Amino acid sequence: MTRMRRPAAAGLPALLACAVLAGCGIKPTGVVESGAPAKVAVAAPAERPLVYFVDPGDRLLATPQAAHSGDGLEAGLIRLLAGPSEQDKAAGLRSALPRLEFKAASGTRVVATAEDEIEVRLPFKVGGLPQLARRQLVCTALSTSASQVRAALRGTDTVLQAESCDTGVVP
């Protein structure tokens, strides 16, 4: 049996330390900017309406509607106007819309005005709504529609120009 010589054994830790300090040969680089976050278009219609709430990063996040809360676009919009559930709040979701009681929100209607456009009729003023709140309404209303359909918001004060769903961050 061969014994390891002391000089070779003493050099082994030094050799390992050099290898660790040398790294793998990849030189460090600075931060590489990649631009703004991607914007997502709603492409595939859902079977039940999705309700869009706002995440902590001010992006819209689709939440599935509970099966017992009714079908149809009006049901999704009424859920949106009622505000996030306790479970949604616990997940950090909120709404940019004013909260409405069911009785007031139940006046919400969705009407097809053209082949590629719907009108969401709301029981409150829409002219002063922040852009984020408008996008919540539009995306929820379009959640069961094809991606080329646009939605106009009609309130008690005005009718806003039809928009498509944009779930990105408002600048």
C-alpha atoms as a PDB file:
ATOM      1  CA  MET A   1       0.000   0.000   0.000  1.00  0.00           C
ATOM      2  CA  THR A   2       1.340   3.418  -0.960  1.00  0.00           C
ATOM      3  CA  ARG A   3       1.286   6.281   1.447  1.00  0.00           C
ATOM      4  CA  MET A   4       0.629   9.851   0.236  1.00  0.00           C
ATOM      5  CA  ARG A   5       3.628  12.025   0.679  1.00  0.00           C
ATOM      6  CA  ARG A   6       3.315  14.972   3.047  1.00  0.00           C
ATOM      7  CA  PRO A   7       4.363  17.693   0.537  1.00  0.00           C
ATOM      8  CA  ALA A   8       1.725  16.508  -1.976  1.00  0.00           C
ATOM      9  CA  ALA A   9      -0.951  16.329   0.708  1.00  0.00           C
ATOM     10  CA  ALA A  10      -0.078  19.824   1.946  1.00  0.00           C
ATOM     11  CA  GLY A  11      -0.374  21.245  -1.607  1.00  0.00           C
ATOM     12  CA  LEU A  12      -3.844  19.794  -2.262  1.00  0.00           C
ATOM     13  CA  PRO A  13      -5.799  22.382  -0.175  1.00  0.00           C
ATOM     14  CA  ALA A  14      -3.870  25.216  -1.822  1.00  0.00           C
ATOM     15  CA  LEU A  15      -4.672  23.827  -5.263  1.00  0.00           C
ATOM     16  CA  LEU A  16      -8.400  23.556  -4.416  1.00  0.00           C
ATOM     17  CA  ALA A  17      -8.456  27.125  -3.071  1.00  0.00           C
ATOM     18  CA  CYS A  18      -6.945  28.406  -6.338  1.00  0.00           C
ATOM     19  CA  ALA A  19      -9.549  26.532  -8.392  1.00  0.00           C
ATOM     20  CA  VAL A  20     -12.421  27.980  -6.349  1.00  0.00           C
ATOM     21  CA  LEU A  21     -11.061  31.531  -6.560  1.00  0.00           C
ATOM     22  CA  ALA A  22     -10.485  31.250 -10.300  1.00  0.00           C
ATOM     23  CA  GLY A  23     -14.179  30.466 -10.929  1.00  0.00           C
ATOM     24  CA  CYS A  24     -15.322  28.928 -14.152  1.00  0.00           C
ATOM     25  CA  GLY A  25     -13.853  31.501 -16.500  1.00  0.00           C
ATOM     26  CA  ILE A  26     -17.069  33.455 -17.166  1.00  0.00           C
ATOM     27  CA  LYS A  27     -16.504  37.163 -16.841  1.00  0.00           C
ATOM     28  CA  PRO A  28     -19.112  39.207 -14.928  1.00  0.00           C
ATOM     29  CA  THR A  29     -21.302  41.626 -16.887  1.00  0.00           C
ATOM     30  CA  GLY A  30     -23.354  44.648 -15.966  1.00  0.00           C
ATOM     31  CA  VAL A  31     -27.142  44.808 -15.801  1.00  0.00           C
ATOM     32  CA  VAL A  32     -28.753  44.192 -19.176  1.00  0.00           C
ATOM     33  CA  GLU A  33     -31.910  46.273 -19.706  1.00  0.00           C
ATOM     34  CA  SER A  34     -34.663  44.352 -21.453  1.00  0.00           C
ATOM     35  CA  GLY A  35     -37.373  47.000 -21.746  1.00  0.00           C
ATOM     36  CA  ALA A  36     -40.915  47.228 -20.455  1.00  0.00           C
ATOM     37  CA  PRO A  37     -42.958  44.188 -19.420  1.00  0.00           C
ATOM     38  CA  ALA A  38     -44.843  42.440 -22.182  1.00  0.00           C
ATOM     39  CA  LYS A  39     -48.475  43.307 -22.810  1.00  0.00           C
ATOM     40  CA  VAL A  40     -50.786  40.345 -23.036  1.00  0.00           C
ATOM     41  CA  ALA A  41     -53.740  40.200 -25.398  1.00  0.00           C
ATOM     42  CA  VAL A  42     -56.701  38.119 -24.318  1.00  0.00           C
ATOM     43  CA  ALA A  43     -56.879  35.511 -27.059  1.00  0.00           C
ATOM     44  CA  ALA A  44     -59.016  32.568 -26.116  1.00  0.00           C
ATOM     45  CA  PRO A  45     -62.564  33.066 -24.880  1.00  0.00           C
ATOM     46  CA  ALA A  46     -63.342  31.561 -21.488  1.00  0.00           C
ATOM     47  CA  GLU A  47     -66.388  29.421 -20.821  1.00  0.00           C
ATOM     48  CA  ARG A  48     -67.317  31.573 -17.835  1.00  0.00           C
ATOM     49  CA  PRO A  49     -66.460  35.254 -17.520  1.00  0.00           C
ATOM     50  CA  LEU A  50     -63.165  36.068 -15.864  1.00  0.00           C
ATOM     51  CA  VAL A  51     -63.109  38.946 -13.407  1.00  0.00           C
ATOM     52  CA  TYR A  52     -60.099  41.258 -13.600  1.00  0.00           C
ATOM     53  CA  PHE A  53     -58.727  42.662 -10.361  1.00  0.00           C
ATOM     54  CA  VAL A  54     -55.525  44.646  -9.832  1.00  0.00           C
ATOM     55  CA  ASP A  55     -52.393  42.963  -8.464  1.00  0.00           C
ATOM     56  CA  PRO A  56     -49.772  44.710  -6.265  1.00  0.00           C
ATOM     57  CA  GLY A  57     -47.825  45.684  -9.414  1.00  0.00           C
ATOM     58  CA  ASP A  58     -50.854  47.555 -10.864  1.00  0.00           C
ATOM     59  CA  ARG A  59     -51.410  44.875 -13.515  1.00  0.00           C
ATOM     60  CA  LEU A  60     -54.748  43.277 -14.237  1.00  0.00           C
ATOM     61  CA  LEU A  61     -55.054  39.684 -13.092  1.00  0.00           C
ATOM     62  CA  ALA A  62     -57.867  37.435 -14.288  1.00  0.00           C
ATOM     63  CA  THR A  63     -59.653  35.529 -11.554  1.00  0.00           C
ATOM     64  CA  PRO A  64     -62.115  32.764 -12.410  1.00  0.00           C
ATOM     65  CA  GLN A  65     -65.714  33.361 -11.464  1.00  0.00           C
ATOM     66  CA  ALA A  66     -67.227  30.900  -9.015  1.00  0.00           C
ATOM     67  CA  ALA A  67     -69.656  28.476 -10.630  1.00  0.00           C
ATOM     68  CA  HIS A  68     -72.474  29.407  -8.230  1.00  0.00           C
ATOM     69  CA  SER A  69     -72.326  33.143  -8.969  1.00  0.00           C
ATOM     70  CA  GLY A  70     -74.240  32.920 -12.231  1.00  0.00           C
ATOM     71  CA  ASP A  71     -73.317  32.831 -15.860  1.00  0.00           C
ATOM     72  CA  GLY A  72     -73.147  35.600 -18.380  1.00  0.00           C
ATOM     73  CA  LEU A  73     -71.204  38.784 -18.735  1.00  0.00           C
ATOM     74  CA  GLU A  74     -73.491  40.696 -16.408  1.00  0.00           C
ATOM     75  CA  ALA A  75     -72.719  38.212 -13.601  1.00  0.00           C
ATOM     76  CA  GLY A  76     -68.979  38.729 -14.088  1.00  0.00           C
ATOM     77  CA  LEU A  77     -69.345  42.509 -14.133  1.00  0.00           C
ATOM     78  CA  ILE A  78     -71.558  42.464 -11.027  1.00  0.00           C
ATOM     79  CA  ARG A  79     -68.920  40.390  -9.215  1.00  0.00           C
ATOM     80  CA  LEU A  80     -66.265  42.884 -10.347  1.00  0.00           C
ATOM     81  CA  LEU A  81     -68.323  45.818  -9.051  1.00  0.00           C
ATOM     82  CA  ALA A  82     -68.842  44.048  -5.705  1.00  0.00           C
ATOM     83  CA  GLY A  83     -65.058  44.099  -5.229  1.00  0.00           C
ATOM     84  CA  PRO A  84     -62.531  41.371  -4.492  1.00  0.00           C
ATOM     85  CA  SER A  85     -63.492  38.521  -2.182  1.00  0.00           C
ATOM     86  CA  GLU A  86     -61.641  37.914   1.082  1.00  0.00           C
ATOM     87  CA  GLN A  87     -59.601  35.244  -0.702  1.00  0.00           C
ATOM     88  CA  ASP A  88     -58.708  37.714  -3.492  1.00  0.00           C
ATOM     89  CA  LYS A  89     -57.745  40.355  -0.905  1.00  0.00           C
ATOM     90  CA  ALA A  90     -55.559  37.830   0.902  1.00  0.00           C
ATOM     91  CA  ALA A  91     -53.773  37.260  -2.413  1.00  0.00           C
ATOM     92  CA  GLY A  92     -53.071  41.009  -2.639  1.00  0.00           C
ATOM     93  CA  LEU A  93     -55.746  41.831  -5.223  1.00  0.00           C
ATOM     94  CA  ARG A  94     -57.769  45.044  -5.183  1.00  0.00           C
ATOM     95  CA  SER A  95     -60.077  47.029  -7.445  1.00  0.00           C
ATOM     96  CA  ALA A  96     -59.715  50.526  -8.899  1.00  0.00           C
ATOM     97  CA  LEU A  97     -63.514  50.726  -9.233  1.00  0.00           C
ATOM     98  CA  PRO A  98     -65.958  52.089  -6.675  1.00  0.00           C
ATOM     99  CA  ARG A  99     -67.581  49.224  -4.758  1.00  0.00           C
ATOM    100  CA  LEU A 100     -71.300  48.820  -5.453  1.00  0.00           C
ATOM    101  CA  GLU A 101     -73.886  46.853  -3.558  1.00  0.00           C
ATOM    102  CA  PHE A 102     -75.586  44.069  -5.510  1.00  0.00           C
ATOM    103  CA  LYS A 103     -78.820  46.014  -5.966  1.00  0.00           C
ATOM    104  CA  ALA A 104     -77.031  48.976  -7.589  1.00  0.00           C
ATOM    105  CA  ALA A 105     -74.668  46.776  -9.626  1.00  0.00           C
ATOM    106  CA  SER A 106     -77.505  44.633 -10.947  1.00  0.00           C
ATOM    107  CA  GLY A 107     -78.426  47.475 -13.328  1.00  0.00           C
ATOM    108  CA  THR A 108     -75.351  46.572 -15.402  1.00  0.00           C
ATOM    109  CA  ARG A 109     -76.116  45.367 -18.936  1.00  0.00           C
ATOM    110  CA  VAL A 110     -74.049  44.235 -21.923  1.00  0.00           C
ATOM    111  CA  VAL A 111     -75.422  44.907 -25.408  1.00  0.00           C
ATOM    112  CA  ALA A 112     -73.897  43.980 -28.766  1.00  0.00           C
ATOM    113  CA  THR A 113     -73.804  47.149 -30.886  1.00  0.00           C
ATOM    114  CA  ALA A 114     -71.829  45.788 -33.859  1.00  0.00           C
ATOM    115  CA  GLU A 115     -70.245  42.513 -34.968  1.00  0.00           C
ATOM    116  CA  ASP A 116     -66.960  43.500 -33.319  1.00  0.00           C
ATOM    117  CA  GLU A 117     -68.193  45.772 -30.504  1.00  0.00           C
ATOM    118  CA  ILE A 118     -70.211  45.542 -27.316  1.00  0.00           C
ATOM    119  CA  GLU A 119     -71.469  48.264 -25.010  1.00  0.00           C
ATOM    120  CA  VAL A 120     -71.339  47.898 -21.245  1.00  0.00           C
ATOM    121  CA  ARG A 121     -74.148  49.934 -19.681  1.00  0.00           C
ATOM    122  CA  LEU A 122     -73.314  50.894 -16.120  1.00  0.00           C
ATOM    123  CA  PRO A 123     -75.463  52.518 -13.397  1.00  0.00           C
ATOM    124  CA  PHE A 124     -72.850  55.173 -12.503  1.00  0.00           C
ATOM    125  CA  LYS A 125     -70.685  57.887 -14.086  1.00  0.00           C
ATOM    126  CA  VAL A 126     -67.764  56.582 -16.159  1.00  0.00           C
ATOM    127  CA  GLY A 127     -66.213  59.821 -17.431  1.00  0.00           C
ATOM    128  CA  GLY A 128     -64.029  60.329 -14.351  1.00  0.00           C
ATOM    129  CA  LEU A 129     -62.945  56.722 -13.882  1.00  0.00           C
ATOM    130  CA  PRO A 130     -59.187  56.144 -13.780  1.00  0.00           C
ATOM    131  CA  GLN A 131     -57.735  54.262 -16.761  1.00  0.00           C
ATOM    132  CA  LEU A 132     -57.046  51.214 -14.569  1.00  0.00           C
ATOM    133  CA  ALA A 133     -60.728  51.010 -13.563  1.00  0.00           C
ATOM    134  CA  ARG A 134     -61.815  51.327 -17.205  1.00  0.00           C
ATOM    135  CA  ARG A 135     -59.490  48.486 -18.164  1.00  0.00           C
ATOM    136  CA  GLN A 136     -60.935  46.290 -15.407  1.00  0.00           C
ATOM    137  CA  LEU A 137     -64.418  46.790 -16.841  1.00  0.00           C
ATOM    138  CA  VAL A 138     -63.356  46.304 -20.474  1.00  0.00           C
ATOM    139  CA  CYS A 139     -61.311  43.152 -19.822  1.00  0.00           C
ATOM    140  CA  THR A 140     -64.027  41.583 -17.665  1.00  0.00           C
ATOM    141  CA  ALA A 141     -66.661  42.364 -20.304  1.00  0.00           C
ATOM    142  CA  LEU A 142     -64.492  40.891 -23.069  1.00  0.00           C
ATOM    143  CA  SER A 143     -63.384  37.779 -21.153  1.00  0.00           C
ATOM    144  CA  THR A 144     -65.743  35.514 -23.108  1.00  0.00           C
ATOM    145  CA  SER A 145     -65.327  37.282 -26.462  1.00  0.00           C
ATOM    146  CA  ALA A 146     -62.934  36.803 -29.339  1.00  0.00           C
ATOM    147  CA  SER A 147     -59.786  38.948 -29.132  1.00  0.00           C
ATOM    148  CA  GLN A 148     -60.839  41.344 -31.934  1.00  0.00           C
ATOM    149  CA  VAL A 149     -64.005  42.470 -30.106  1.00  0.00           C
ATOM    150  CA  ARG A 150     -63.911  45.881 -28.380  1.00  0.00           C
ATOM    151  CA  ALA A 151     -66.034  47.234 -25.526  1.00  0.00           C
ATOM    152  CA  ALA A 152     -67.460  50.738 -25.024  1.00  0.00           C
ATOM    153  CA  LEU A 153     -68.455  51.875 -21.537  1.00  0.00           C
ATOM    154  CA  ARG A 154     -71.747  53.784 -21.178  1.00  0.00           C
ATOM    155  CA  GLY A 155     -72.397  55.425 -17.835  1.00  0.00           C
ATOM    156  CA  THR A 156     -74.993  57.858 -16.592  1.00  0.00           C
ATOM    157  CA  ASP A 157     -72.828  60.746 -17.837  1.00  0.00           C
ATOM    158  CA  THR A 158     -71.189  59.693 -21.123  1.00  0.00           C
ATOM    159  CA  VAL A 159     -70.176  56.920 -23.507  1.00  0.00           C
ATOM    160  CA  LEU A 160     -66.463  56.195 -23.698  1.00  0.00           C
ATOM    161  CA  GLN A 161     -64.762  55.125 -26.916  1.00  0.00           C
ATOM    162  CA  ALA A 162     -64.604  51.345 -27.450  1.00  0.00           C
ATOM    163  CA  GLU A 163     -61.373  49.679 -26.318  1.00  0.00           C
ATOM    164  CA  SER A 164     -59.782  46.258 -26.450  1.00  0.00           C
ATOM    165  CA  CYS A 165     -58.433  44.480 -23.373  1.00  0.00           C
ATOM    166  CA  ASP A 166     -54.954  45.567 -22.238  1.00  0.00           C
ATOM    167  CA  THR A 167     -53.704  43.878 -19.067  1.00  0.00           C
ATOM    168  CA  GLY A 168     -50.314  45.642 -18.806  1.00  0.00           C
ATOM    169  CA  VAL A 169     -49.220  48.304 -16.333  1.00  0.00           C
ATOM    170  CA  VAL A 170     -50.649  51.798 -16.820  1.00  0.00           C
ATOM    171  CA  PRO A 171     -47.748  54.219 -17.421  1.00  0.00           C
END
